[in-house]
Amino acid sequence: MKFQQQCRRLLAKVFSRDAGIIVVNDSKTVLHHASLAVAGMPDSEMDPVPPNDYFGQAMPTGKRVPFRLRFDAEGHHYEFPAEARALPFGCWNVVVHVDEGMQTSVKVNGPF
């Protein structure tokens, strides 16, 4: 029975078509006027984004998708353009981490 449940979960992960971009504030600074603009999708905005909090939105699958993260912190404005791709099958998350130096790193998590 347990093996069948694991197989069903794996099949659901592989054959679903979910994708999203998640922005994680790993800094010790509150981010203000944060917005995530994904091509072809409405902007996602959050104000404030406290330390260790996150926000995000869905993204299209099967093609290269440009996106732009913007926010204000400690009197400075930051913009980070990037690009992501999620295959047309499976559950995919693009996770953007904002670190203590207000720099970003991007990691893609998928079913494989």
C-alpha atoms as a PDB file:
ATOM      1  CA  MET A   1       0.000   0.000   0.000  1.00  0.00           C
ATOM      2  CA  LYS A   2       2.775   2.454   0.893  1.00  0.00           C
ATOM      3  CA  PHE A   3       4.556   1.776  -2.416  1.00  0.00           C
ATOM      4  CA  GLN A   4       1.354   2.599  -4.343  1.00  0.00           C
ATOM      5  CA  GLN A   5       0.967   5.896  -2.482  1.00  0.00           C
ATOM      6  CA  GLN A   6       4.560   6.853  -3.268  1.00  0.00           C
ATOM      7  CA  CYS A   7       4.012   5.997  -6.947  1.00  0.00           C
ATOM      8  CA  ARG A   8       0.867   8.152  -7.058  1.00  0.00           C
ATOM      9  CA  ARG A   9       2.711  11.094  -5.497  1.00  0.00           C
ATOM     10  CA  LEU A  10       5.574  10.757  -7.974  1.00  0.00           C
ATOM     11  CA  LEU A  11       3.188  10.575 -10.930  1.00  0.00           C
ATOM     12  CA  ALA A  12       1.303  13.628  -9.671  1.00  0.00           C
ATOM     13  CA  LYS A  13       4.549  15.594  -9.425  1.00  0.00           C
ATOM     14  CA  VAL A  14       5.706  14.576 -12.886  1.00  0.00           C
ATOM     15  CA  PHE A  15       2.411  14.999 -14.739  1.00  0.00           C
ATOM     16  CA  SER A  16       1.104  18.167 -13.103  1.00  0.00           C
ATOM     17  CA  ARG A  17       1.860  21.529 -14.693  1.00  0.00           C
ATOM     18  CA  ASP A  18       2.449  23.860 -11.762  1.00  0.00           C
ATOM     19  CA  ALA A  19       5.183  26.482 -11.716  1.00  0.00           C
ATOM     20  CA  GLY A  20       5.847  29.522  -9.585  1.00  0.00           C
ATOM     21  CA  ILE A  21       8.440  32.066  -8.550  1.00  0.00           C
ATOM     22  CA  ILE A  22       8.960  32.586  -4.825  1.00  0.00           C
ATOM     23  CA  VAL A  23      10.974  35.484  -3.380  1.00  0.00           C
ATOM     24  CA  VAL A  24      12.432  34.801   0.084  1.00  0.00           C
ATOM     25  CA  ASN A  25      13.777  37.628   2.257  1.00  0.00           C
ATOM     26  CA  ASP A  26      16.820  36.007   3.896  1.00  0.00           C
ATOM     27  CA  SER A  27      18.175  39.379   5.026  1.00  0.00           C
ATOM     28  CA  LYS A  28      17.668  40.979   8.420  1.00  0.00           C
ATOM     29  CA  THR A  29      16.149  44.026   6.698  1.00  0.00           C
ATOM     30  CA  VAL A  30      12.505  44.751   5.919  1.00  0.00           C
ATOM     31  CA  LEU A  31      11.893  45.065   2.167  1.00  0.00           C
ATOM     32  CA  HIS A  32       9.406  47.733   1.056  1.00  0.00           C
ATOM     33  CA  HIS A  33       7.416  48.159  -2.158  1.00  0.00           C
ATOM     34  CA  ALA A  34       8.467  44.689  -3.286  1.00  0.00           C
ATOM     35  CA  SER A  35       7.128  43.626  -6.662  1.00  0.00           C
ATOM     36  CA  LEU A  36       7.648  40.643  -8.896  1.00  0.00           C
ATOM     37  CA  ALA A  37       6.866  41.206 -12.578  1.00  0.00           C
ATOM     38  CA  VAL A  38       6.632  38.030 -14.657  1.00  0.00           C
ATOM     39  CA  ALA A  39       6.157  38.367 -18.412  1.00  0.00           C
ATOM     40  CA  GLY A  40       2.573  37.619 -19.378  1.00  0.00           C
ATOM     41  CA  MET A  41       1.294  37.640 -15.780  1.00  0.00           C
ATOM     42  CA  PRO A  42      -0.076  40.359 -13.469  1.00  0.00           C
ATOM     43  CA  ASP A  43       2.514  41.795 -11.070  1.00  0.00           C
ATOM     44  CA  SER A  44       2.694  40.432  -7.536  1.00  0.00           C
ATOM     45  CA  GLU A  45       3.309  43.062  -4.859  1.00  0.00           C
ATOM     46  CA  MET A  46       3.895  42.972  -1.114  1.00  0.00           C
ATOM     47  CA  ASP A  47       4.706  45.728   1.358  1.00  0.00           C
ATOM     48  CA  PRO A  48       6.374  45.187   3.732  1.00  0.00           C
ATOM     49  CA  VAL A  49       8.274  41.913   3.380  1.00  0.00           C
ATOM     50  CA  PRO A  50       9.718  41.216   6.852  1.00  0.00           C
ATOM     51  CA  PRO A  51      12.883  39.152   7.328  1.00  0.00           C
ATOM     52  CA  ASN A  52      12.299  35.417   6.795  1.00  0.00           C
ATOM     53  CA  ASP A  53       9.031  36.090   4.933  1.00  0.00           C
ATOM     54  CA  TYR A  54       8.268  35.433   1.279  1.00  0.00           C
ATOM     55  CA  PHE A  55       5.884  36.209  -1.573  1.00  0.00           C
ATOM     56  CA  GLY A  56       5.490  35.066  -5.137  1.00  0.00           C
ATOM     57  CA  GLN A  57       3.256  34.134  -8.015  1.00  0.00           C
ATOM     58  CA  ALA A  58       2.577  31.557 -10.679  1.00  0.00           C
ATOM     59  CA  MET A  59       4.556  31.470 -13.905  1.00  0.00           C
ATOM     60  CA  PRO A  60       3.910  29.915 -17.320  1.00  0.00           C
ATOM     61  CA  THR A  61       5.536  26.567 -18.114  1.00  0.00           C
ATOM     62  CA  GLY A  62       7.262  25.275 -21.221  1.00  0.00           C
ATOM     63  CA  LYS A  63       9.102  28.430 -22.253  1.00  0.00           C
ATOM     64  CA  ARG A  64      11.760  30.854 -21.094  1.00  0.00           C
ATOM     65  CA  VAL A  65      10.141  33.529 -18.927  1.00  0.00           C
ATOM     66  CA  PRO A  66      11.784  36.858 -18.090  1.00  0.00           C
ATOM     67  CA  PHE A  67      10.978  38.341 -14.700  1.00  0.00           C
ATOM     68  CA  ARG A  68      12.026  41.359 -12.645  1.00  0.00           C
ATOM     69  CA  LEU A  69      12.232  41.718  -8.870  1.00  0.00           C
ATOM     70  CA  ARG A  70      12.085  45.248  -7.425  1.00  0.00           C
ATOM     71  CA  PHE A  71      12.168  46.450  -3.832  1.00  0.00           C
ATOM     72  CA  ASP A  72      13.350  49.250  -1.548  1.00  0.00           C
ATOM     73  CA  ALA A  73      15.475  48.666   1.548  1.00  0.00           C
ATOM     74  CA  GLU A  74      17.239  51.077   3.882  1.00  0.00           C
ATOM     75  CA  GLY A  75      16.730  54.055   1.555  1.00  0.00           C
ATOM     76  CA  HIS A  76      17.964  52.299  -1.613  1.00  0.00           C
ATOM     77  CA  HIS A  77      16.071  50.958  -4.629  1.00  0.00           C
ATOM     78  CA  TYR A  78      17.006  47.540  -6.050  1.00  0.00           C
ATOM     79  CA  GLU A  79      16.058  45.890  -9.349  1.00  0.00           C
ATOM     80  CA  PHE A  80      17.060  42.427 -10.477  1.00  0.00           C
ATOM     81  CA  PRO A  81      16.116  41.213 -13.946  1.00  0.00           C
ATOM     82  CA  ALA A  82      16.344  37.464 -14.497  1.00  0.00           C
ATOM     83  CA  GLU A  83      15.023  34.643 -16.611  1.00  0.00           C
ATOM     84  CA  ALA A  84      13.664  31.227 -15.711  1.00  0.00           C
ATOM     85  CA  ARG A  85      12.370  28.179 -17.488  1.00  0.00           C
ATOM     86  CA  ALA A  86      10.032  25.502 -16.204  1.00  0.00           C
ATOM     87  CA  LEU A  87       9.541  22.395 -18.298  1.00  0.00           C
ATOM     88  CA  PRO A  88       5.985  21.832 -19.562  1.00  0.00           C
ATOM     89  CA  PHE A  89       5.401  19.042 -17.038  1.00  0.00           C
ATOM     90  CA  GLY A  90       5.968  18.611 -13.324  1.00  0.00           C
ATOM     91  CA  CYS A  91       5.891  20.941 -10.325  1.00  0.00           C
ATOM     92  CA  TRP A  92       8.559  23.651 -10.575  1.00  0.00           C
ATOM     93  CA  ASN A  93       9.525  26.439  -8.200  1.00  0.00           C
ATOM     94  CA  VAL A  94      12.019  29.155  -8.948  1.00  0.00           C
ATOM     95  CA  VAL A  95      13.211  30.411  -5.567  1.00  0.00           C
ATOM     96  CA  VAL A  96      14.897  33.828  -5.415  1.00  0.00           C
ATOM     97  CA  HIS A  97      16.750  34.503  -2.160  1.00  0.00           C
ATOM     98  CA  VAL A  98      17.585  38.071  -1.084  1.00  0.00           C
ATOM     99  CA  ASP A  99      20.644  37.930   1.170  1.00  0.00           C
ATOM    100  CA  GLU A 100      22.057  40.281   3.804  1.00  0.00           C
ATOM    101  CA  GLY A 101      23.972  42.280   1.152  1.00  0.00           C
ATOM    102  CA  MET A 102      20.754  42.758  -0.885  1.00  0.00           C
ATOM    103  CA  GLN A 103      22.080  40.417  -3.561  1.00  0.00           C
ATOM    104  CA  THR A 104      19.960  37.681  -5.093  1.00  0.00           C
ATOM    105  CA  SER A 105      20.542  34.025  -5.833  1.00  0.00           C
ATOM    106  CA  VAL A 106      18.194  31.856  -7.876  1.00  0.00           C
ATOM    107  CA  LYS A 107      17.542  28.159  -7.440  1.00  0.00           C
ATOM    108  CA  VAL A 108      15.170  26.011  -9.497  1.00  0.00           C
ATOM    109  CA  ASN A 109      13.420  23.120  -7.742  1.00  0.00           C
ATOM    110  CA  GLY A 110      11.648  20.492  -9.821  1.00  0.00           C
ATOM    111  CA  PRO A 111      10.520  16.893  -9.708  1.00  0.00           C
ATOM    112  CA  PHE A 112      13.882  15.515 -10.902  1.00  0.00           C
END
